[in-house]
Amino acid sequence: MVNGNLLLLSAWLFISSHCVAESLVLGGPPWPPFLLEGENSGFAEEVVIAAFAEQGVTVKVAIKPWARVLAEAEAEAGPIGGLVGLWFSQEREKHFVYSSPYYINEIVVVSHARRTFRFRGLDDLEGHKVGVRNRGFYGHAFAKADNFEKISVSLDLSILRMVQYERIDAGVGDRLIFSSLIDNEPELQGKLTMHSEPIAMLPLHVGISRKLSRHRQLVEKFNQGLQRIRDNGELQRIYGKWTISQLPEQIFTHSIEPSK
């Protein structure tokens, strides 16, 4: 009887230890439609939570200003274990391990609608004041360009408003994000021109902080979960919900941007 009770207890402990979900806190800035403040989940949050859930990892997302999110994710004792959405750069690779991409961000230029400004390449920005998000990365070519002044601000919406009031000549950011912000800000509508030629096409990844002892295991769990929701149609459903034209098949043909 004693042996039987011990066997039952051992079995219960084994099952319990495998049923307890692992938890993870990821951060990100207000970044509609990818990350939304309040009770509603954004596109990136939905994809990341769904992929991790397939591997038994419960994710809580903390929405904070971009500079604070990065600082807390990089700090050894910071409360955030990684970032929901991150573009690749060599500098950030020192602090984060990157997952497989789950979206491709199209980086574009926005200018005031009444300006005759035309954008066909980075040379057209020469001599201009260009708004960028603080510590944002827009591809290697843009990072190396020094023929225009880069004005750092904390939010993408601030970039658009500065262009609207002509405090800067142009701004750069993701096409879907800029479109979403303009759609939800009546005072911006009709005031801005979004140029068709992209500056860069940047794969979007989950970035897990290297300060976590299990950072590589967590990245692998996300990658496996992402593959699962691709295979079972959940990823396509989320894309459709957000009326995103990119297909998961297109995303999976991209890899981390190579170091240069």
C-alpha atoms as a PDB file:
ATOM      1  CA  MET A   1       0.000   0.000   0.000  1.00  0.00           C
ATOM      2  CA  VAL A   2       2.857   2.329   0.874  1.00  0.00           C
ATOM      3  CA  ASN A   3       4.622   1.497  -2.367  1.00  0.00           C
ATOM      4  CA  GLY A   4       1.374   2.109  -4.234  1.00  0.00           C
ATOM      5  CA  ASN A   5       0.975   5.536  -2.633  1.00  0.00           C
ATOM      6  CA  LEU A   6       4.563   6.388  -3.479  1.00  0.00           C
ATOM      7  CA  LEU A   7       3.985   5.413  -7.091  1.00  0.00           C
ATOM      8  CA  LEU A   8       0.846   7.544  -7.233  1.00  0.00           C
ATOM      9  CA  LEU A   9       2.661  10.492  -5.648  1.00  0.00           C
ATOM     10  CA  SER A  10       5.561  10.143  -8.077  1.00  0.00           C
ATOM     11  CA  ALA A  11       3.181   9.986 -11.019  1.00  0.00           C
ATOM     12  CA  TRP A  12       1.298  13.064  -9.793  1.00  0.00           C
ATOM     13  CA  LEU A  13       4.522  15.030  -9.341  1.00  0.00           C
ATOM     14  CA  PHE A  14       5.701  14.030 -12.818  1.00  0.00           C
ATOM     15  CA  ILE A  15       2.424  15.062 -14.459  1.00  0.00           C
ATOM     16  CA  SER A  16       2.204  18.301 -12.477  1.00  0.00           C
ATOM     17  CA  SER A  17       5.745  19.322 -13.372  1.00  0.00           C
ATOM     18  CA  HIS A  18       4.950  18.869 -17.068  1.00  0.00           C
ATOM     19  CA  CYS A  19       1.596  20.627 -16.929  1.00  0.00           C
ATOM     20  CA  VAL A  20       2.831  23.861 -15.352  1.00  0.00           C
ATOM     21  CA  ALA A  21       3.115  26.385 -18.157  1.00  0.00           C
ATOM     22  CA  GLU A  22       6.333  28.347 -18.483  1.00  0.00           C
ATOM     23  CA  SER A  23       5.810  32.102 -18.308  1.00  0.00           C
ATOM     24  CA  LEU A  24       7.632  34.893 -20.104  1.00  0.00           C
ATOM     25  CA  VAL A  25       7.336  38.690 -20.059  1.00  0.00           C
ATOM     26  CA  LEU A  26       7.987  40.375 -23.404  1.00  0.00           C
ATOM     27  CA  GLY A  27       7.948  44.102 -23.999  1.00  0.00           C
ATOM     28  CA  GLY A  28       7.254  46.517 -26.794  1.00  0.00           C
ATOM     29  CA  PRO A  29       6.365  50.160 -27.397  1.00  0.00           C
ATOM     30  CA  PRO A  30       2.905  51.401 -28.422  1.00  0.00           C
ATOM     31  CA  TRP A  31       3.109  50.318 -32.068  1.00  0.00           C
ATOM     32  CA  PRO A  32      -0.334  50.107 -33.706  1.00  0.00           C
ATOM     33  CA  PRO A  33      -1.409  47.853 -35.280  1.00  0.00           C
ATOM     34  CA  PHE A  34       1.373  45.545 -34.070  1.00  0.00           C
ATOM     35  CA  LEU A  35       1.127  46.432 -30.374  1.00  0.00           C
ATOM     36  CA  LEU A  36      -1.838  48.232 -28.844  1.00  0.00           C
ATOM     37  CA  GLU A  37      -2.244  49.944 -25.491  1.00  0.00           C
ATOM     38  CA  GLY A  38      -5.256  48.908 -23.409  1.00  0.00           C
ATOM     39  CA  GLU A  39      -7.142  45.628 -23.379  1.00  0.00           C
ATOM     40  CA  ASN A  40      -7.003  44.845 -27.101  1.00  0.00           C
ATOM     41  CA  SER A  41      -4.157  42.795 -28.561  1.00  0.00           C
ATOM     42  CA  GLY A  42      -2.285  43.924 -31.652  1.00  0.00           C
ATOM     43  CA  PHE A  43      -1.246  41.819 -34.626  1.00  0.00           C
ATOM     44  CA  ALA A  44       2.277  41.029 -33.389  1.00  0.00           C
ATOM     45  CA  GLU A  45       1.040  40.211 -29.897  1.00  0.00           C
ATOM     46  CA  GLU A  46      -1.533  37.756 -31.281  1.00  0.00           C
ATOM     47  CA  VAL A  47       1.028  35.916 -33.405  1.00  0.00           C
ATOM     48  CA  VAL A  48       3.654  35.708 -30.660  1.00  0.00           C
ATOM     49  CA  ILE A  49       1.224  34.575 -27.944  1.00  0.00           C
ATOM     50  CA  ALA A  50      -0.301  31.944 -30.247  1.00  0.00           C
ATOM     51  CA  ALA A  51       3.105  30.538 -31.262  1.00  0.00           C
ATOM     52  CA  PHE A  52       4.418  30.314 -27.708  1.00  0.00           C
ATOM     53  CA  ALA A  53       1.132  28.835 -26.457  1.00  0.00           C
ATOM     54  CA  GLU A  54       1.661  25.886 -28.814  1.00  0.00           C
ATOM     55  CA  GLN A  55       4.780  25.087 -26.776  1.00  0.00           C
ATOM     56  CA  GLY A  56       3.251  25.624 -23.337  1.00  0.00           C
ATOM     57  CA  VAL A  57       4.741  29.087 -22.775  1.00  0.00           C
ATOM     58  CA  THR A  58       2.413  31.767 -21.393  1.00  0.00           C
ATOM     59  CA  VAL A  59       3.391  35.252 -22.558  1.00  0.00           C
ATOM     60  CA  LYS A  60       2.545  38.551 -20.885  1.00  0.00           C
ATOM     61  CA  VAL A  61       3.201  41.667 -22.948  1.00  0.00           C
ATOM     62  CA  ALA A  62       4.299  44.932 -21.291  1.00  0.00           C
ATOM     63  CA  ILE A  63       3.673  48.076 -23.363  1.00  0.00           C
ATOM     64  CA  LYS A  64       6.156  50.830 -22.500  1.00  0.00           C
ATOM     65  CA  PRO A  65       8.075  53.592 -24.315  1.00  0.00           C
ATOM     66  CA  TRP A  66      10.674  52.193 -26.716  1.00  0.00           C
ATOM     67  CA  ALA A  67      13.781  53.427 -24.890  1.00  0.00           C
ATOM     68  CA  ARG A  68      12.497  52.037 -21.574  1.00  0.00           C
ATOM     69  CA  VAL A  69      11.595  48.680 -23.138  1.00  0.00           C
ATOM     70  CA  LEU A  70      15.087  48.294 -24.571  1.00  0.00           C
ATOM     71  CA  ALA A  71      16.742  49.331 -21.299  1.00  0.00           C
ATOM     72  CA  GLU A  72      14.682  46.878 -19.232  1.00  0.00           C
ATOM     73  CA  ALA A  73      15.207  44.035 -21.696  1.00  0.00           C
ATOM     74  CA  GLU A  74      18.964  44.608 -21.843  1.00  0.00           C
ATOM     75  CA  ALA A  75      19.491  45.162 -18.089  1.00  0.00           C
ATOM     76  CA  GLU A  76      20.693  42.092 -16.184  1.00  0.00           C
ATOM     77  CA  ALA A  77      17.971  42.425 -13.545  1.00  0.00           C
ATOM     78  CA  GLY A  78      15.363  44.030 -15.797  1.00  0.00           C
ATOM     79  CA  PRO A  79      11.767  42.764 -15.627  1.00  0.00           C
ATOM     80  CA  ILE A  80      11.414  42.187 -19.384  1.00  0.00           C
ATOM     81  CA  GLY A  81      12.791  38.985 -20.901  1.00  0.00           C
ATOM     82  CA  GLY A  82      12.713  40.057 -24.517  1.00  0.00           C
ATOM     83  CA  LEU A  83      10.910  42.029 -27.211  1.00  0.00           C
ATOM     84  CA  VAL A  84       7.744  41.102 -29.118  1.00  0.00           C
ATOM     85  CA  GLY A  85       9.026  42.655 -32.326  1.00  0.00           C
ATOM     86  CA  LEU A  86      12.622  43.387 -33.262  1.00  0.00           C
ATOM     87  CA  TRP A  87      14.499  44.100 -36.488  1.00  0.00           C
ATOM     88  CA  PHE A  88      17.966  42.651 -36.835  1.00  0.00           C
ATOM     89  CA  SER A  89      21.104  44.675 -36.193  1.00  0.00           C
ATOM     90  CA  GLN A  90      24.599  43.676 -35.119  1.00  0.00           C
ATOM     91  CA  GLU A  91      24.417  46.009 -32.119  1.00  0.00           C
ATOM     92  CA  ARG A  92      21.229  44.377 -30.824  1.00  0.00           C
ATOM     93  CA  GLU A  93      22.569  40.880 -31.466  1.00  0.00           C
ATOM     94  CA  LYS A  94      24.862  41.460 -28.498  1.00  0.00           C
ATOM     95  CA  HIS A  95      21.801  41.537 -26.237  1.00  0.00           C
ATOM     96  CA  PHE A  96      19.189  39.395 -28.017  1.00  0.00           C
ATOM     97  CA  VAL A  97      18.814  36.029 -29.715  1.00  0.00           C
ATOM     98  CA  TYR A  98      16.537  36.289 -32.739  1.00  0.00           C
ATOM     99  CA  SER A  99      13.652  34.004 -33.660  1.00  0.00           C
ATOM    100  CA  SER A 100      12.518  33.109 -37.149  1.00  0.00           C
ATOM    101  CA  PRO A 101      10.678  36.066 -38.756  1.00  0.00           C
ATOM    102  CA  TYR A 102       6.894  36.219 -38.587  1.00  0.00           C
ATOM    103  CA  TYR A 103       6.344  39.369 -40.700  1.00  0.00           C
ATOM    104  CA  ILE A 104       8.258  41.539 -43.189  1.00  0.00           C
ATOM    105  CA  ASN A 105       8.176  45.273 -42.452  1.00  0.00           C
ATOM    106  CA  GLU A 106       8.207  47.571 -45.479  1.00  0.00           C
ATOM    107  CA  ILE A 107      10.029  50.778 -44.513  1.00  0.00           C
ATOM    108  CA  VAL A 108       8.862  53.864 -46.390  1.00  0.00           C
ATOM    109  CA  VAL A 109       9.238  57.644 -46.482  1.00  0.00           C
ATOM    110  CA  VAL A 110       6.435  60.073 -45.618  1.00  0.00           C
ATOM    111  CA  SER A 111       6.446  63.763 -46.542  1.00  0.00           C
ATOM    112  CA  HIS A 112       3.959  66.635 -46.419  1.00  0.00           C
ATOM    113  CA  ALA A 113       1.322  66.382 -49.153  1.00  0.00           C
ATOM    114  CA  ARG A 114       1.848  69.911 -50.445  1.00  0.00           C
ATOM    115  CA  ARG A 115       5.596  69.494 -50.940  1.00  0.00           C
ATOM    116  CA  THR A 116       6.931  68.538 -54.371  1.00  0.00           C
ATOM    117  CA  PHE A 117       9.316  66.098 -52.734  1.00  0.00           C
ATOM    118  CA  ARG A 118       9.879  62.844 -54.669  1.00  0.00           C
ATOM    119  CA  PHE A 119      11.566  59.819 -53.153  1.00  0.00           C
ATOM    120  CA  ARG A 120      13.296  57.229 -55.326  1.00  0.00           C
ATOM    121  CA  GLY A 121      16.295  56.488 -53.124  1.00  0.00           C
ATOM    122  CA  LEU A 122      18.332  57.714 -50.158  1.00  0.00           C
ATOM    123  CA  ASP A 123      20.066  60.336 -52.316  1.00  0.00           C
ATOM    124  CA  ASP A 124      16.749  62.210 -52.492  1.00  0.00           C
ATOM    125  CA  LEU A 125      16.921  62.802 -48.715  1.00  0.00           C
ATOM    126  CA  GLU A 126      20.125  64.839 -49.039  1.00  0.00           C
ATOM    127  CA  GLY A 127      20.067  68.004 -46.945  1.00  0.00           C
ATOM    128  CA  HIS A 128      16.692  67.182 -45.351  1.00  0.00           C
ATOM    129  CA  LYS A 129      15.632  66.740 -41.725  1.00  0.00           C
ATOM    130  CA  VAL A 130      14.249  63.197 -41.430  1.00  0.00           C
ATOM    131  CA  GLY A 131      12.298  61.863 -38.447  1.00  0.00           C
ATOM    132  CA  VAL A 132      13.258  58.459 -37.046  1.00  0.00           C
ATOM    133  CA  ARG A 133      12.182  56.562 -33.950  1.00  0.00           C
ATOM    134  CA  ASN A 134      14.662  56.739 -31.083  1.00  0.00           C
ATOM    135  CA  ARG A 135      17.093  53.809 -31.406  1.00  0.00           C
ATOM    136  CA  GLY A 136      15.097  52.519 -34.358  1.00  0.00           C
ATOM    137  CA  PHE A 137      16.839  50.524 -37.087  1.00  0.00           C
ATOM    138  CA  TYR A 138      15.822  50.915 -40.739  1.00  0.00           C
ATOM    139  CA  GLY A 139      18.361  48.773 -42.541  1.00  0.00           C
ATOM    140  CA  HIS A 140      22.118  49.018 -43.027  1.00  0.00           C
ATOM    141  CA  ALA A 141      21.984  51.450 -45.950  1.00  0.00           C
ATOM    142  CA  PHE A 142      19.865  53.940 -44.011  1.00  0.00           C
ATOM    143  CA  ALA A 143      22.024  53.570 -40.891  1.00  0.00           C
ATOM    144  CA  LYS A 144      25.179  54.369 -42.864  1.00  0.00           C
ATOM    145  CA  ALA A 145      23.694  57.301 -44.817  1.00  0.00           C
ATOM    146  CA  ASP A 146      25.079  60.655 -43.646  1.00  0.00           C
ATOM    147  CA  ASN A 147      23.814  63.042 -46.325  1.00  0.00           C
ATOM    148  CA  PHE A 148      20.774  64.116 -44.252  1.00  0.00           C
ATOM    149  CA  GLU A 149      19.974  64.912 -40.610  1.00  0.00           C
ATOM    150  CA  LYS A 150      18.204  62.223 -38.558  1.00  0.00           C
ATOM    151  CA  ILE A 151      15.845  63.595 -35.912  1.00  0.00           C
ATOM    152  CA  SER A 152      15.096  61.045 -33.169  1.00  0.00           C
ATOM    153  CA  VAL A 153      11.663  60.941 -31.503  1.00  0.00           C
ATOM    154  CA  SER A 154       9.990  58.376 -29.231  1.00  0.00           C
ATOM    155  CA  LEU A 155       6.867  57.465 -31.256  1.00  0.00           C
ATOM    156  CA  ASP A 156       5.930  56.864 -34.885  1.00  0.00           C
ATOM    157  CA  LEU A 157       2.909  59.124 -34.387  1.00  0.00           C
ATOM    158  CA  SER A 158       5.246  61.925 -33.334  1.00  0.00           C
ATOM    159  CA  ILE A 159       7.121  61.502 -36.626  1.00  0.00           C
ATOM    160  CA  LEU A 160       3.904  61.923 -38.610  1.00  0.00           C
ATOM    161  CA  ARG A 161       2.814  64.980 -36.618  1.00  0.00           C
ATOM    162  CA  MET A 162       6.194  66.632 -37.058  1.00  0.00           C
ATOM    163  CA  VAL A 163       5.911  66.086 -40.814  1.00  0.00           C
ATOM    164  CA  GLN A 164       2.338  67.443 -40.720  1.00  0.00           C
ATOM    165  CA  TYR A 165       3.459  70.659 -38.986  1.00  0.00           C
ATOM    166  CA  GLU A 166       6.558  70.825 -41.216  1.00  0.00           C
ATOM    167  CA  ARG A 167       8.978  70.715 -38.318  1.00  0.00           C
ATOM    168  CA  ILE A 168      10.854  68.094 -40.313  1.00  0.00           C
ATOM    169  CA  ASP A 169      10.995  67.445 -44.056  1.00  0.00           C
ATOM    170  CA  ALA A 170      10.202  63.739 -44.003  1.00  0.00           C
ATOM    171  CA  GLY A 171       9.830  60.702 -41.755  1.00  0.00           C
ATOM    172  CA  VAL A 172      10.572  57.000 -42.089  1.00  0.00           C
ATOM    173  CA  GLY A 173       8.729  53.999 -40.697  1.00  0.00           C
ATOM    174  CA  ASP A 174       6.741  50.874 -41.459  1.00  0.00           C
ATOM    175  CA  ARG A 175       4.054  51.248 -44.149  1.00  0.00           C
ATOM    176  CA  LEU A 176       1.388  49.308 -42.219  1.00  0.00           C
ATOM    177  CA  ILE A 177       2.049  51.265 -39.027  1.00  0.00           C
ATOM    178  CA  PHE A 178       1.952  54.640 -40.764  1.00  0.00           C
ATOM    179  CA  SER A 179      -1.246  53.654 -42.607  1.00  0.00           C
ATOM    180  CA  SER A 180      -2.909  52.556 -39.356  1.00  0.00           C
ATOM    181  CA  LEU A 181      -1.941  55.767 -37.559  1.00  0.00           C
ATOM    182  CA  ILE A 182      -3.189  57.960 -40.392  1.00  0.00           C
ATOM    183  CA  ASP A 183      -6.487  56.031 -40.563  1.00  0.00           C
ATOM    184  CA  ASN A 184      -7.046  56.674 -36.842  1.00  0.00           C
ATOM    185  CA  GLU A 185      -5.942  60.319 -36.781  1.00  0.00           C
ATOM    186  CA  PRO A 186      -8.384  62.501 -38.809  1.00  0.00           C
ATOM    187  CA  GLU A 187      -6.109  65.540 -38.601  1.00  0.00           C
ATOM    188  CA  LEU A 188      -3.395  63.640 -40.484  1.00  0.00           C
ATOM    189  CA  GLN A 189      -5.627  62.543 -43.343  1.00  0.00           C
ATOM    190  CA  GLY A 190      -4.959  64.372 -46.595  1.00  0.00           C
ATOM    191  CA  LYS A 191      -1.880  66.032 -45.116  1.00  0.00           C
ATOM    192  CA  LEU A 192       0.756  63.400 -45.860  1.00  0.00           C
ATOM    193  CA  THR A 193       2.196  61.564 -48.840  1.00  0.00           C
ATOM    194  CA  MET A 194       3.451  58.015 -48.340  1.00  0.00           C
ATOM    195  CA  HIS A 195       5.987  57.215 -51.047  1.00  0.00           C
ATOM    196  CA  SER A 196       5.781  53.870 -52.823  1.00  0.00           C
ATOM    197  CA  GLU A 197       9.505  53.106 -53.075  1.00  0.00           C
ATOM    198  CA  PRO A 198      10.614  51.319 -49.881  1.00  0.00           C
ATOM    199  CA  ILE A 199      13.848  52.091 -48.098  1.00  0.00           C
ATOM    200  CA  ALA A 200      14.128  48.517 -46.863  1.00  0.00           C
ATOM    201  CA  MET A 201      12.222  45.270 -46.311  1.00  0.00           C
ATOM    202  CA  LEU A 202      12.987  44.138 -42.764  1.00  0.00           C
ATOM    203  CA  PRO A 203      12.022  40.752 -41.267  1.00  0.00           C
ATOM    204  CA  LEU A 204      10.331  41.093 -37.874  1.00  0.00           C
ATOM    205  CA  HIS A 205      11.502  38.733 -35.120  1.00  0.00           C
ATOM    206  CA  VAL A 206      10.952  37.969 -31.468  1.00  0.00           C
ATOM    207  CA  GLY A 207      14.109  38.932 -29.579  1.00  0.00           C
ATOM    208  CA  ILE A 208      14.865  36.970 -26.405  1.00  0.00           C
ATOM    209  CA  SER A 209      17.313  38.607 -24.009  1.00  0.00           C
ATOM    210  CA  ARG A 210      20.634  36.800 -23.585  1.00  0.00           C
ATOM    211  CA  LYS A 211      20.407  37.495 -19.850  1.00  0.00           C
ATOM    212  CA  LEU A 212      17.864  34.644 -19.589  1.00  0.00           C
ATOM    213  CA  SER A 213      19.583  31.305 -19.019  1.00  0.00           C
ATOM    214  CA  ARG A 214      17.105  29.572 -21.352  1.00  0.00           C
ATOM    215  CA  HIS A 215      17.184  32.150 -24.144  1.00  0.00           C
ATOM    216  CA  ARG A 216      18.059  29.668 -26.886  1.00  0.00           C
ATOM    217  CA  GLN A 217      15.441  27.157 -25.726  1.00  0.00           C
ATOM    218  CA  LEU A 218      12.790  29.887 -25.707  1.00  0.00           C
ATOM    219  CA  VAL A 219      13.689  30.951 -29.241  1.00  0.00           C
ATOM    220  CA  GLU A 220      13.470  27.350 -30.396  1.00  0.00           C
ATOM    221  CA  LYS A 221      10.068  26.971 -28.729  1.00  0.00           C
ATOM    222  CA  PHE A 222       8.813  30.046 -30.537  1.00  0.00           C
ATOM    223  CA  ASN A 223      10.143  28.796 -33.860  1.00  0.00           C
ATOM    224  CA  GLN A 224       8.482  25.421 -33.395  1.00  0.00           C
ATOM    225  CA  GLY A 225       5.231  27.061 -32.291  1.00  0.00           C
ATOM    226  CA  LEU A 226       5.311  29.417 -35.275  1.00  0.00           C
ATOM    227  CA  GLN A 227       5.671  26.445 -37.600  1.00  0.00           C
ATOM    228  CA  ARG A 228       2.719  24.764 -35.858  1.00  0.00           C
ATOM    229  CA  ILE A 229       0.372  27.734 -36.254  1.00  0.00           C
ATOM    230  CA  ARG A 230       1.467  28.052 -39.860  1.00  0.00           C
ATOM    231  CA  ASP A 231       0.641  24.401 -40.488  1.00  0.00           C
ATOM    232  CA  ASN A 232      -2.720  24.429 -38.686  1.00  0.00           C
ATOM    233  CA  GLY A 233      -3.923  27.658 -40.343  1.00  0.00           C
ATOM    234  CA  GLU A 234      -3.918  29.863 -37.224  1.00  0.00           C
ATOM    235  CA  LEU A 235      -1.250  32.161 -38.626  1.00  0.00           C
ATOM    236  CA  GLN A 236      -3.235  32.672 -41.829  1.00  0.00           C
ATOM    237  CA  ARG A 237      -6.353  33.389 -39.742  1.00  0.00           C
ATOM    238  CA  ILE A 238      -4.541  36.109 -37.777  1.00  0.00           C
ATOM    239  CA  TYR A 239      -3.182  37.630 -40.986  1.00  0.00           C
ATOM    240  CA  GLY A 240      -6.689  37.666 -42.428  1.00  0.00           C
ATOM    241  CA  LYS A 241      -8.142  39.275 -39.311  1.00  0.00           C
ATOM    242  CA  TRP A 242      -5.741  42.182 -39.744  1.00  0.00           C
ATOM    243  CA  THR A 243      -6.248  42.291 -43.538  1.00  0.00           C
ATOM    244  CA  ILE A 244      -2.519  41.846 -44.089  1.00  0.00           C
ATOM    245  CA  SER A 245      -1.735  40.982 -47.687  1.00  0.00           C
ATOM    246  CA  GLN A 246       1.541  39.201 -46.987  1.00  0.00           C
ATOM    247  CA  LEU A 247       1.221  35.426 -46.888  1.00  0.00           C
ATOM    248  CA  PRO A 248       2.919  33.231 -44.286  1.00  0.00           C
ATOM    249  CA  GLU A 249       4.605  31.394 -47.167  1.00  0.00           C
ATOM    250  CA  GLN A 250       6.329  34.647 -48.123  1.00  0.00           C
ATOM    251  CA  ILE A 251       7.491  35.227 -44.563  1.00  0.00           C
ATOM    252  CA  PHE A 252       9.055  31.795 -44.228  1.00  0.00           C
ATOM    253  CA  THR A 253      11.285  32.377 -47.258  1.00  0.00           C
ATOM    254  CA  HIS A 254      13.111  35.156 -45.356  1.00  0.00           C
ATOM    255  CA  SER A 255      15.812  34.714 -42.766  1.00  0.00           C
ATOM    256  CA  ILE A 256      17.646  37.021 -40.403  1.00  0.00           C
ATOM    257  CA  GLU A 257      19.230  39.910 -42.272  1.00  0.00           C
ATOM    258  CA  PRO A 258      22.890  38.970 -42.742  1.00  0.00           C
ATOM    259  CA  SER A 259      25.560  40.937 -40.935  1.00  0.00           C
ATOM    260  CA  LYS A 260      27.456  43.455 -43.046  1.00  0.00           C
END
